């Protein structure tokens, strides 16, 4: 069975974004061919469940992933981190075999 996990920090951030926005079902995570290493993550707020979505729910929030991206994202932990002045979602993806130097794209 394929799985995506959500850290406490990521859940808190997703809840905050949805609260500020005033609506939304959860965080949609996708991948697209991009960058120098092959793929990049794409984030958006999901307002509705699409037919191709698989929903993962934990800590009171949902992360929605298109079935086609599950092979690449299987086993990934969605986290939210602060590094200095930067705050961002981080994907701890066990399938990544290589990343570009700038950290914007990855290969599986």
PDB file of N, CA and C in Angstrom:
ATOM      1  N   UNK A   1       0.836  -1.188   0.000  1.00  0.00           N
ATOM      2  CA  UNK A   1       0.000   0.000   0.000  1.00  0.00           C
ATOM      3  C   UNK A   1       0.881   1.251   0.000  1.00  0.00           C
ATOM      4  N   UNK A   2       0.543   2.183  -0.830  1.00  0.00           N
ATOM      5  CA  UNK A   2       1.327   3.406  -0.934  1.00  0.00           C
ATOM      6  C   UNK A   2       0.969   4.363   0.202  1.00  0.00           C
ATOM      7  N   UNK A   3       1.970   5.155   0.626  1.00  0.00           N
ATOM      8  CA  UNK A   3       1.765   5.979   1.795  1.00  0.00           C
ATOM      9  C   UNK A   3       2.496   7.311   1.692  1.00  0.00           C
ATOM     10  N   UNK A   4       1.844   8.345   2.185  1.00  0.00           N
ATOM     11  CA  UNK A   4       2.419   9.671   2.362  1.00  0.00           C
ATOM     12  C   UNK A   4       2.167  10.026   3.820  1.00  0.00           C
ATOM     13  N   UNK A   5       3.189  10.517   4.531  1.00  0.00           N
ATOM     14  CA  UNK A   5       2.989  10.932   5.915  1.00  0.00           C
ATOM     15  C   UNK A   5       3.117  12.444   6.023  1.00  0.00           C
ATOM     16  N   UNK A   6       2.549  12.976   7.094  1.00  0.00           N
ATOM     17  CA  UNK A   6       2.503  14.421   7.297  1.00  0.00           C
ATOM     18  C   UNK A   6       3.054  14.715   8.680  1.00  0.00           C
ATOM     19  N   UNK A   7       4.118  15.503   8.746  1.00  0.00           N
ATOM     20  CA  UNK A   7       4.694  15.849  10.048  1.00  0.00           C
ATOM     21  C   UNK A   7       3.762  16.812  10.786  1.00  0.00           C
ATOM     22  N   UNK A   8       3.996  16.939  12.072  1.00  0.00           N
ATOM     23  CA  UNK A   8       3.203  17.869  12.874  1.00  0.00           C
ATOM     24  C   UNK A   8       3.378  19.304  12.380  1.00  0.00           C
ATOM     25  N   UNK A   9       4.616  19.683  12.041  1.00  0.00           N
ATOM     26  CA  UNK A   9       4.879  21.037  11.543  1.00  0.00           C
ATOM     27  C   UNK A   9       4.154  21.293  10.224  1.00  0.00           C
ATOM     28  N   UNK A  10       4.136  20.315   9.330  1.00  0.00           N
ATOM     29  CA  UNK A  10       3.437  20.468   8.047  1.00  0.00           C
ATOM     30  C   UNK A  10       1.933  20.575   8.269  1.00  0.00           C
ATOM     31  N   UNK A  11       1.397  19.748   9.164  1.00  0.00           N
ATOM     32  CA  UNK A  11      -0.034  19.802   9.459  1.00  0.00           C
ATOM     33  C   UNK A  11      -0.420  21.174  10.007  1.00  0.00           C
ATOM     34  N   UNK A  12       0.395  21.698  10.920  1.00  0.00           N
ATOM     35  CA  UNK A  12       0.127  23.023  11.478  1.00  0.00           C
ATOM     36  C   UNK A  12       0.116  24.084  10.384  1.00  0.00           C
ATOM     37  N   UNK A  13       1.079  24.017   9.460  1.00  0.00           N
ATOM     38  CA  UNK A  13       1.161  25.006   8.379  1.00  0.00           C
ATOM     39  C   UNK A  13      -0.012  24.875   7.416  1.00  0.00           C
ATOM     40  N   UNK A  14      -0.387  23.657   7.079  1.00  0.00           N
ATOM     41  CA  UNK A  14      -1.530  23.444   6.183  1.00  0.00           C
ATOM     42  C   UNK A  14      -2.793  24.010   6.827  1.00  0.00           C
ATOM     43  N   UNK A  15      -3.000  23.726   8.112  1.00  0.00           N
ATOM     44  CA  UNK A  15      -4.166  24.264   8.819  1.00  0.00           C
ATOM     45  C   UNK A  15      -4.161  25.786   8.807  1.00  0.00           C
ATOM     46  N   UNK A  16      -2.997  26.386   9.022  1.00  0.00           N
ATOM     47  CA  UNK A  16      -2.880  27.851   9.037  1.00  0.00           C
ATOM     48  C   UNK A  16      -3.215  28.443   7.671  1.00  0.00           C
ATOM     49  N   UNK A  17      -2.685  27.847   6.615  1.00  0.00           N
ATOM     50  CA  UNK A  17      -2.956  28.350   5.260  1.00  0.00           C
ATOM     51  C   UNK A  17      -4.441  28.242   4.941  1.00  0.00           C
ATOM     52  N   UNK A  18      -5.055  27.118   5.269  1.00  0.00           N
ATOM     53  CA  UNK A  18      -6.483  26.937   4.993  1.00  0.00           C
ATOM     54  C   UNK A  18      -7.317  27.917   5.805  1.00  0.00           C
ATOM     55  N   UNK A  19      -6.924  28.156   7.047  1.00  0.00           N
ATOM     56  CA  UNK A  19      -7.642  29.101   7.897  1.00  0.00           C
ATOM     57  C   UNK A  19      -7.550  30.515   7.330  1.00  0.00           C
ATOM     58  N   UNK A  20      -6.341  30.933   6.934  1.00  0.00           N
ATOM     59  CA  UNK A  20      -6.154  32.270   6.363  1.00  0.00           C
ATOM     60  C   UNK A  20      -6.909  32.429   5.053  1.00  0.00           C
ATOM     61  N   UNK A  21      -6.939  31.362   4.271  1.00  0.00           N
ATOM     62  CA  UNK A  21      -7.610  31.383   2.971  1.00  0.00           C
ATOM     63  C   UNK A  21      -9.125  31.375   3.141  1.00  0.00           C
ATOM     64  N   UNK A  22      -9.597  30.734   4.204  1.00  0.00           N
ATOM     65  CA  UNK A  22     -11.025  30.660   4.470  1.00  0.00           C
ATOM     66  C   UNK A  22     -11.727  29.484   3.826  1.00  0.00           C
ATOM     67  N   UNK A  23     -10.997  28.692   3.071  1.00  0.00           N
ATOM     68  CA  UNK A  23     -11.588  27.514   2.424  1.00  0.00           C
ATOM     69  C   UNK A  23     -10.470  26.592   1.955  1.00  0.00           C
ATOM     70  N   UNK A  24     -10.860  25.421   1.518  1.00  0.00           N
ATOM     71  CA  UNK A  24      -9.910  24.458   0.965  1.00  0.00           C
ATOM     72  C   UNK A  24     -10.032  23.114   1.636  1.00  0.00           C
ATOM     73  N   UNK A  25      -9.768  22.088   0.859  1.00  0.00           N
ATOM     74  CA  UNK A  25      -9.852  20.715   1.339  1.00  0.00           C
ATOM     75  C   UNK A  25      -8.529  20.256   1.937  1.00  0.00           C
ATOM     76  N   UNK A  26      -7.419  20.701   1.357  1.00  0.00           N
ATOM     77  CA  UNK A  26      -6.104  20.279   1.829  1.00  0.00           C
ATOM     78  C   UNK A  26      -5.021  20.724   0.871  1.00  0.00           C
ATOM     79  N   UNK A  27      -3.851  20.150   1.048  1.00  0.00           N
ATOM     80  CA  UNK A  27      -2.695  20.465   0.214  1.00  0.00           C
ATOM     81  C   UNK A  27      -2.577  19.444  -0.905  1.00  0.00           C
ATOM     82  N   UNK A  28      -2.495  19.930  -2.143  1.00  0.00           N
ATOM     83  CA  UNK A  28      -2.289  19.045  -3.296  1.00  0.00           C
ATOM     84  C   UNK A  28      -0.794  19.035  -3.615  1.00  0.00           C
ATOM     85  N   UNK A  29      -0.230  17.836  -3.702  1.00  0.00           N
ATOM     86  CA  UNK A  29       1.183  17.670  -4.033  1.00  0.00           C
ATOM     87  C   UNK A  29       1.269  16.900  -5.343  1.00  0.00           C
ATOM     88  N   UNK A  30       2.010  17.451  -6.280  1.00  0.00           N
ATOM     89  CA  UNK A  30       2.201  16.803  -7.576  1.00  0.00           C
ATOM     90  C   UNK A  30       3.678  16.882  -7.944  1.00  0.00           C
ATOM     91  N   UNK A  31       4.039  16.194  -9.002  1.00  0.00           N
ATOM     92  CA  UNK A  31       5.389  16.307  -9.561  1.00  0.00           C
ATOM     93  C   UNK A  31       5.250  16.601 -11.042  1.00  0.00           C
ATOM     94  N   UNK A  32       6.250  17.306 -11.569  1.00  0.00           N
ATOM     95  CA  UNK A  32       6.260  17.580 -13.003  1.00  0.00           C
ATOM     96  C   UNK A  32       7.687  17.459 -13.499  1.00  0.00           C
ATOM     97  N   UNK A  33       7.849  17.065 -14.761  1.00  0.00           N
ATOM     98  CA  UNK A  33       9.194  17.044 -15.336  1.00  0.00           C
ATOM     99  C   UNK A  33       9.733  18.468 -15.335  1.00  0.00           C
ATOM    100  N   UNK A  34      10.941  18.634 -14.788  1.00  0.00           N
ATOM    101  CA  UNK A  34      11.468  19.989 -14.667  1.00  0.00           C
ATOM    102  C   UNK A  34      12.904  19.967 -14.211  1.00  0.00           C
ATOM    103  N   UNK A  35      13.564  21.078 -14.371  1.00  0.00           N
ATOM    104  CA  UNK A  35      14.892  21.281 -13.812  1.00  0.00           C
ATOM    105  C   UNK A  35      15.961  20.418 -14.438  1.00  0.00           C
ATOM    106  N   UNK A  36      17.109  20.455 -13.807  1.00  0.00           N
ATOM    107  CA  UNK A  36      18.266  19.752 -14.351  1.00  0.00           C
ATOM    108  C   UNK A  36      18.334  18.296 -13.898  1.00  0.00           C
ATOM    109  N   UNK A  37      17.512  17.892 -12.932  1.00  0.00           N
ATOM    110  CA  UNK A  37      17.580  16.515 -12.442  1.00  0.00           C
ATOM    111  C   UNK A  37      16.375  15.668 -12.800  1.00  0.00           C
ATOM    112  N   UNK A  38      15.327  16.235 -13.359  1.00  0.00           N
ATOM    113  CA  UNK A  38      14.225  15.410 -13.822  1.00  0.00           C
ATOM    114  C   UNK A  38      12.845  15.816 -13.367  1.00  0.00           C
ATOM    115  N   UNK A  39      12.608  16.007 -12.057  1.00  0.00           N
ATOM    116  CA  UNK A  39      11.278  16.325 -11.545  1.00  0.00           C
ATOM    117  C   UNK A  39      11.361  17.446 -10.527  1.00  0.00           C
ATOM    118  N   UNK A  40      10.236  18.127 -10.354  1.00  0.00           N
ATOM    119  CA  UNK A  40      10.118  19.084  -9.257  1.00  0.00           C
ATOM    120  C   UNK A  40       8.742  18.919  -8.634  1.00  0.00           C
ATOM    121  N   UNK A  41       8.634  19.332  -7.379  1.00  0.00           N
ATOM    122  CA  UNK A  41       7.371  19.264  -6.663  1.00  0.00           C
ATOM    123  C   UNK A  41       6.518  20.467  -7.025  1.00  0.00           C
ATOM    124  N   UNK A  42       5.220  20.255  -7.082  1.00  0.00           N
ATOM    125  CA  UNK A  42       4.260  21.315  -7.355  1.00  0.00           C
ATOM    126  C   UNK A  42       3.232  21.287  -6.229  1.00  0.00           C
ATOM    127  N   UNK A  43       3.020  22.438  -5.592  1.00  0.00           N
ATOM    128  CA  UNK A  43       2.077  22.543  -4.484  1.00  0.00           C
ATOM    129  C   UNK A  43       0.940  23.471  -4.842  1.00  0.00           C
ATOM    130  N   UNK A  44      -0.245  23.121  -4.348  1.00  0.00           N
ATOM    131  CA  UNK A  44      -1.409  23.966  -4.537  1.00  0.00           C
ATOM    132  C   UNK A  44      -2.404  23.628  -3.439  1.00  0.00           C
ATOM    133  N   UNK A  45      -3.349  24.499  -3.208  1.00  0.00           N
ATOM    134  CA  UNK A  45      -4.439  24.197  -2.283  1.00  0.00           C
ATOM    135  C   UNK A  45      -5.536  23.520  -3.091  1.00  0.00           C
ATOM    136  N   UNK A  46      -6.007  22.395  -2.601  1.00  0.00           N
ATOM    137  CA  UNK A  46      -7.082  21.659  -3.268  1.00  0.00           C
ATOM    138  C   UNK A  46      -8.418  22.118  -2.702  1.00  0.00           C
ATOM    139  N   UNK A  47      -9.332  22.480  -3.582  1.00  0.00           N
ATOM    140  CA  UNK A  47     -10.672  22.867  -3.156  1.00  0.00           C
ATOM    141  C   UNK A  47     -11.649  21.711  -3.246  1.00  0.00           C
ATOM    142  N   UNK A  48     -11.283  20.698  -4.034  1.00  0.00           N
ATOM    143  CA  UNK A  48     -12.156  19.535  -4.159  1.00  0.00           C
ATOM    144  C   UNK A  48     -11.331  18.302  -4.504  1.00  0.00           C
ATOM    145  N   UNK A  49     -11.873  17.162  -4.205  1.00  0.00           N
ATOM    146  CA  UNK A  49     -11.224  15.895  -4.511  1.00  0.00           C
ATOM    147  C   UNK A  49     -11.479  15.574  -5.977  1.00  0.00           C
ATOM    148  N   UNK A  50     -10.409  15.364  -6.737  1.00  0.00           N
ATOM    149  CA  UNK A  50     -10.552  14.995  -8.136  1.00  0.00           C
ATOM    150  C   UNK A  50     -10.569  13.470  -8.257  1.00  0.00           C
ATOM    151  N   UNK A  51     -11.105  12.981  -9.342  1.00  0.00           N
ATOM    152  CA  UNK A  51     -11.250  11.541  -9.545  1.00  0.00           C
ATOM    153  C   UNK A  51      -9.911  10.809  -9.466  1.00  0.00           C
ATOM    154  N   UNK A  52      -8.839  11.453  -9.912  1.00  0.00           N
ATOM    155  CA  UNK A  52      -7.525  10.807  -9.932  1.00  0.00           C
ATOM    156  C   UNK A  52      -6.759  10.960  -8.616  1.00  0.00           C
ATOM    157  N   UNK A  53      -7.331  11.662  -7.635  1.00  0.00           N
ATOM    158  CA  UNK A  53      -6.640  11.913  -6.372  1.00  0.00           C
ATOM    159  C   UNK A  53      -6.701  10.728  -5.416  1.00  0.00           C
ATOM    160  N   UNK A  54      -5.623  10.584  -4.665  1.00  0.00           N
ATOM    161  CA  UNK A  54      -5.599   9.705  -3.503  1.00  0.00           C
ATOM    162  C   UNK A  54      -5.366  10.628  -2.320  1.00  0.00           C
ATOM    163  N   UNK A  55      -6.227  10.532  -1.308  1.00  0.00           N
ATOM    164  CA  UNK A  55      -6.139  11.416  -0.148  1.00  0.00           C
ATOM    165  C   UNK A  55      -5.433  10.706   1.000  1.00  0.00           C
ATOM    166  N   UNK A  56      -4.511  11.402   1.611  1.00  0.00           N
ATOM    167  CA  UNK A  56      -3.820  10.926   2.813  1.00  0.00           C
ATOM    168  C   UNK A  56      -4.181  11.908   3.918  1.00  0.00           C
ATOM    169  N   UNK A  57      -4.670  11.394   5.029  1.00  0.00           N
ATOM    170  CA  UNK A  57      -5.113  12.263   6.108  1.00  0.00           C
ATOM    171  C   UNK A  57      -4.374  11.913   7.387  1.00  0.00           C
ATOM    172  N   UNK A  58      -3.893  12.942   8.060  1.00  0.00           N
ATOM    173  CA  UNK A  58      -3.219  12.773   9.346  1.00  0.00           C
ATOM    174  C   UNK A  58      -3.223  14.107  10.068  1.00  0.00           C
ATOM    175  N   UNK A  59      -3.293  14.047  11.363  1.00  0.00           N
ATOM    176  CA  UNK A  59      -3.192  15.258  12.200  1.00  0.00           C
ATOM    177  C   UNK A  59      -4.225  16.308  11.827  1.00  0.00           C
ATOM    178  N   UNK A  60      -5.374  15.849  11.321  1.00  0.00           N
ATOM    179  CA  UNK A  60      -6.463  16.757  11.006  1.00  0.00           C
ATOM    180  C   UNK A  60      -6.376  17.453   9.663  1.00  0.00           C
ATOM    181  N   UNK A  61      -5.435  17.073   8.810  1.00  0.00           N
ATOM    182  CA  UNK A  61      -5.316  17.685   7.484  1.00  0.00           C
ATOM    183  C   UNK A  61      -5.212  16.603   6.409  1.00  0.00           C
ATOM    184  N   UNK A  62      -5.452  17.027   5.168  1.00  0.00           N
ATOM    185  CA  UNK A  62      -5.353  16.122   4.028  1.00  0.00           C
ATOM    186  C   UNK A  62      -4.265  16.580   3.070  1.00  0.00           C
ATOM    187  N   UNK A  63      -3.559  15.590   2.532  1.00  0.00           N
ATOM    188  CA  UNK A  63      -2.647  15.804   1.418  1.00  0.00           C
ATOM    189  C   UNK A  63      -3.182  14.954   0.277  1.00  0.00           C
ATOM    190  N   UNK A  64      -3.409  15.592  -0.867  1.00  0.00           N
ATOM    191  CA  UNK A  64      -3.957  14.904  -2.033  1.00  0.00           C
ATOM    192  C   UNK A  64      -2.869  14.733  -3.087  1.00  0.00           C
ATOM    193  N   UNK A  65      -2.789  13.525  -3.625  1.00  0.00           N
ATOM    194  CA  UNK A  65      -1.758  13.198  -4.609  1.00  0.00           C
ATOM    195  C   UNK A  65      -2.422  12.499  -5.789  1.00  0.00           C
ATOM    196  N   UNK A  66      -2.091  12.919  -6.995  1.00  0.00           N
ATOM    197  CA  UNK A  66      -2.586  12.254  -8.196  1.00  0.00           C
ATOM    198  C   UNK A  66      -2.013  10.843  -8.258  1.00  0.00           C
ATOM    199  N   UNK A  67      -2.842   9.885  -8.628  1.00  0.00           N
ATOM    200  CA  UNK A  67      -2.411   8.474  -8.683  1.00  0.00           C
ATOM    201  C   UNK A  67      -1.122   8.278  -9.497  1.00  0.00           C
ATOM    202  N   UNK A  68      -0.966   9.049 -10.579  1.00  0.00           N
ATOM    203  CA  UNK A  68       0.217   8.903 -11.429  1.00  0.00           C
ATOM    204  C   UNK A  68       1.494   9.314 -10.708  1.00  0.00           C
ATOM    205  N   UNK A  69       1.406  10.193  -9.726  1.00  0.00           N
ATOM    206  CA  UNK A  69       2.587  10.656  -8.998  1.00  0.00           C
ATOM    207  C   UNK A  69       2.925   9.765  -7.807  1.00  0.00           C
ATOM    208  N   UNK A  70       2.037   8.842  -7.459  1.00  0.00           N
ATOM    209  CA  UNK A  70       2.253   8.034  -6.258  1.00  0.00           C
ATOM    210  C   UNK A  70       3.508   7.178  -6.310  1.00  0.00           C
ATOM    211  N   UNK A  71       3.847   6.663  -7.463  1.00  0.00           N
ATOM    212  CA  UNK A  71       5.056   5.837  -7.561  1.00  0.00           C
ATOM    213  C   UNK A  71       6.295   6.652  -7.184  1.00  0.00           C
ATOM    214  N   UNK A  72       6.329   7.897  -7.597  1.00  0.00           N
ATOM    215  CA  UNK A  72       7.460   8.779  -7.293  1.00  0.00           C
ATOM    216  C   UNK A  72       7.423   9.242  -5.837  1.00  0.00           C
ATOM    217  N   UNK A  73       6.225   9.451  -5.290  1.00  0.00           N
ATOM    218  CA  UNK A  73       6.075  10.021  -3.950  1.00  0.00           C
ATOM    219  C   UNK A  73       5.855   8.991  -2.846  1.00  0.00           C
ATOM    220  N   UNK A  74       5.719   7.728  -3.181  1.00  0.00           N
ATOM    221  CA  UNK A  74       5.444   6.701  -2.182  1.00  0.00           C
ATOM    222  C   UNK A  74       6.485   6.712  -1.058  1.00  0.00           C
ATOM    223  N   UNK A  75       6.010   6.768   0.171  1.00  0.00           N
ATOM    224  CA  UNK A  75       6.906   6.761   1.327  1.00  0.00           C
ATOM    225  C   UNK A  75       7.383   8.134   1.749  1.00  0.00           C
ATOM    226  N   UNK A  76       6.959   9.188   1.051  1.00  0.00           N
ATOM    227  CA  UNK A  76       7.416  10.545   1.337  1.00  0.00           C
ATOM    228  C   UNK A  76       6.776  11.094   2.605  1.00  0.00           C
ATOM    229  N   UNK A  77       7.583  11.796   3.390  1.00  0.00           N
ATOM    230  CA  UNK A  77       7.061  12.568   4.509  1.00  0.00           C
ATOM    231  C   UNK A  77       7.005  14.026   4.073  1.00  0.00           C
ATOM    232  N   UNK A  78       5.829  14.636   4.214  1.00  0.00           N
ATOM    233  CA  UNK A  78       5.673  16.063   3.964  1.00  0.00           C
ATOM    234  C   UNK A  78       5.992  16.763   5.286  1.00  0.00           C
ATOM    235  N   UNK A  79       6.980  17.641   5.269  1.00  0.00           N
ATOM    236  CA  UNK A  79       7.410  18.347   6.468  1.00  0.00           C
ATOM    237  C   UNK A  79       7.404  19.837   6.180  1.00  0.00           C
ATOM    238  N   UNK A  80       7.476  20.644   7.223  1.00  0.00           N
ATOM    239  CA  UNK A  80       7.579  22.098   7.083  1.00  0.00           C
ATOM    240  C   UNK A  80       8.716  22.546   7.979  1.00  0.00           C
ATOM    241  N   UNK A  81       9.684  23.236   7.399  1.00  0.00           N
ATOM    242  CA  UNK A  81      10.896  23.578   8.142  1.00  0.00           C
ATOM    243  C   UNK A  81      11.197  25.077   8.077  1.00  0.00           C
ATOM    244  N   UNK A  82      11.936  25.516   9.076  1.00  0.00           N
ATOM    245  CA  UNK A  82      12.453  26.883   9.114  1.00  0.00           C
ATOM    246  C   UNK A  82      13.969  26.795   9.124  1.00  0.00           C
ATOM    247  N   UNK A  83      14.596  27.458   8.173  1.00  0.00           N
ATOM    248  CA  UNK A  83      16.052  27.530   8.106  1.00  0.00           C
ATOM    249  C   UNK A  83      16.426  28.992   7.956  1.00  0.00           C
ATOM    250  N   UNK A  84      16.864  29.590   9.060  1.00  0.00           N
ATOM    251  CA  UNK A  84      17.140  31.025   9.041  1.00  0.00           C
ATOM    252  C   UNK A  84      15.852  31.780   8.801  1.00  0.00           C
ATOM    253  N   UNK A  85      15.847  32.625   7.784  1.00  0.00           N
ATOM    254  CA  UNK A  85      14.650  33.391   7.451  1.00  0.00           C
ATOM    255  C   UNK A  85      13.718  32.643   6.502  1.00  0.00           C
ATOM    256  N   UNK A  86      14.158  31.511   5.997  1.00  0.00           N
ATOM    257  CA  UNK A  86      13.375  30.743   5.034  1.00  0.00           C
ATOM    258  C   UNK A  86      12.484  29.721   5.731  1.00  0.00           C
ATOM    259  N   UNK A  87      11.246  29.623   5.251  1.00  0.00           N
ATOM    260  CA  UNK A  87      10.295  28.613   5.725  1.00  0.00           C
ATOM    261  C   UNK A  87       9.671  27.978   4.494  1.00  0.00           C
ATOM    262  N   UNK A  88       9.623  26.644   4.502  1.00  0.00           N
ATOM    263  CA  UNK A  88       9.141  25.965   3.305  1.00  0.00           C
ATOM    264  C   UNK A  88       8.756  24.521   3.612  1.00  0.00           C
ATOM    265  N   UNK A  89       7.937  23.949   2.701  1.00  0.00           N
ATOM    266  CA  UNK A  89       7.630  22.532   2.782  1.00  0.00           C
ATOM    267  C   UNK A  89       8.840  21.759   2.278  1.00  0.00           C
ATOM    268  N   UNK A  90       9.198  20.718   2.991  1.00  0.00           N
ATOM    269  CA  UNK A  90      10.288  19.832   2.596  1.00  0.00           C
ATOM    270  C   UNK A  90       9.694  18.440   2.401  1.00  0.00           C
ATOM    271  N   UNK A  91      10.180  17.762   1.382  1.00  0.00           N
ATOM    272  CA  UNK A  91       9.701  16.419   1.078  1.00  0.00           C
ATOM    273  C   UNK A  91      10.824  15.434   1.327  1.00  0.00           C
ATOM    274  N   UNK A  92      10.670  14.638   2.368  1.00  0.00           N
ATOM    275  CA  UNK A  92      11.645  13.600   2.693  1.00  0.00           C
ATOM    276  C   UNK A  92      11.229  12.359   1.912  1.00  0.00           C
ATOM    277  N   UNK A  93      11.730  12.286   0.684  1.00  0.00           N
ATOM    278  CA  UNK A  93      11.310  11.278  -0.280  1.00  0.00           C
ATOM    279  C   UNK A  93      12.391  10.199  -0.405  1.00  0.00           C
ATOM    280  N   UNK A  94      12.082   8.965   0.041  1.00  0.00           N
ATOM    281  CA  UNK A  94      13.078   7.898  -0.012  1.00  0.00           C
ATOM    282  C   UNK A  94      13.396   7.410  -1.420  1.00  0.00           C
ATOM    283  N   UNK A  95      12.623   7.832  -2.407  1.00  0.00           N
ATOM    284  CA  UNK A  95      12.821   7.391  -3.789  1.00  0.00           C
ATOM    285  C   UNK A  95      13.811   8.251  -4.562  1.00  0.00           C
ATOM    286  N   UNK A  96      14.196   9.392  -4.002  1.00  0.00           N
ATOM    287  CA  UNK A  96      15.103  10.305  -4.690  1.00  0.00           C
ATOM    288  C   UNK A  96      16.503   9.704  -4.732  1.00  0.00           C
ATOM    289  N   UNK A  97      17.061   9.640  -5.934  1.00  0.00           N
ATOM    290  CA  UNK A  97      18.413   9.109  -6.105  1.00  0.00           C
ATOM    291  C   UNK A  97      19.444  10.197  -6.326  1.00  0.00           C
ATOM    292  N   UNK A  98      18.973  11.397  -6.746  1.00  0.00           N
ATOM    293  CA  UNK A  98      19.891  12.494  -7.028  1.00  0.00           C
ATOM    294  C   UNK A  98      19.105  13.798  -7.016  1.00  0.00           C
ATOM    295  N   UNK A  99      19.765  14.871  -6.591  1.00  0.00           N
ATOM    296  CA  UNK A  99      19.156  16.199  -6.607  1.00  0.00           C
ATOM    297  C   UNK A  99      20.097  17.158  -7.316  1.00  0.00           C
ATOM    298  N   UNK A 100      19.519  18.179  -7.920  1.00  0.00           N
ATOM    299  CA  UNK A 100      20.376  19.182  -8.547  1.00  0.00           C
ATOM    300  C   UNK A 100      21.022  20.023  -7.458  1.00  0.00           C
ATOM    301  N   UNK A 101      22.046  20.737  -7.792  1.00  0.00           N
ATOM    302  CA  UNK A 101      22.780  21.538  -6.829  1.00  0.00           C
ATOM    303  C   UNK A 101      21.964  22.617  -6.156  1.00  0.00           C
ATOM    304  N   UNK A 102      20.971  23.144  -6.848  1.00  0.00           N
ATOM    305  CA  UNK A 102      20.156  24.220  -6.273  1.00  0.00           C
ATOM    306  C   UNK A 102      19.015  23.675  -5.426  1.00  0.00           C
ATOM    307  N   UNK A 103      18.783  22.353  -5.482  1.00  0.00           N
ATOM    308  CA  UNK A 103      17.743  21.750  -4.674  1.00  0.00           C
ATOM    309  C   UNK A 103      16.333  21.905  -5.234  1.00  0.00           C
ATOM    310  N   UNK A 104      16.204  22.404  -6.452  1.00  0.00           N
ATOM    311  CA  UNK A 104      14.886  22.624  -7.041  1.00  0.00           C
ATOM    312  C   UNK A 104      14.311  21.411  -7.768  1.00  0.00           C
ATOM    313  N   UNK A 105      15.163  20.474  -8.148  1.00  0.00           N
ATOM    314  CA  UNK A 105      14.665  19.307  -8.858  1.00  0.00           C
ATOM    315  C   UNK A 105      15.375  18.058  -8.363  1.00  0.00           C
ATOM    316  N   UNK A 106      14.793  16.897  -8.712  1.00  0.00           N
ATOM    317  CA  UNK A 106      15.312  15.623  -8.239  1.00  0.00           C
ATOM    318  C   UNK A 106      15.087  14.543  -9.281  1.00  0.00           C
ATOM    319  N   UNK A 107      15.762  13.426  -9.077  1.00  0.00           N
ATOM    320  CA  UNK A 107      15.642  12.274  -9.957  1.00  0.00           C
ATOM    321  C   UNK A 107      15.311  11.060  -9.102  1.00  0.00           C
ATOM    322  N   UNK A 108      14.568  10.127  -9.681  1.00  0.00           N
ATOM    323  CA  UNK A 108      14.229   8.883  -8.977  1.00  0.00           C
ATOM    324  C   UNK A 108      14.726   7.702  -9.759  1.00  0.00           C
TER     325      UNK A 108
END
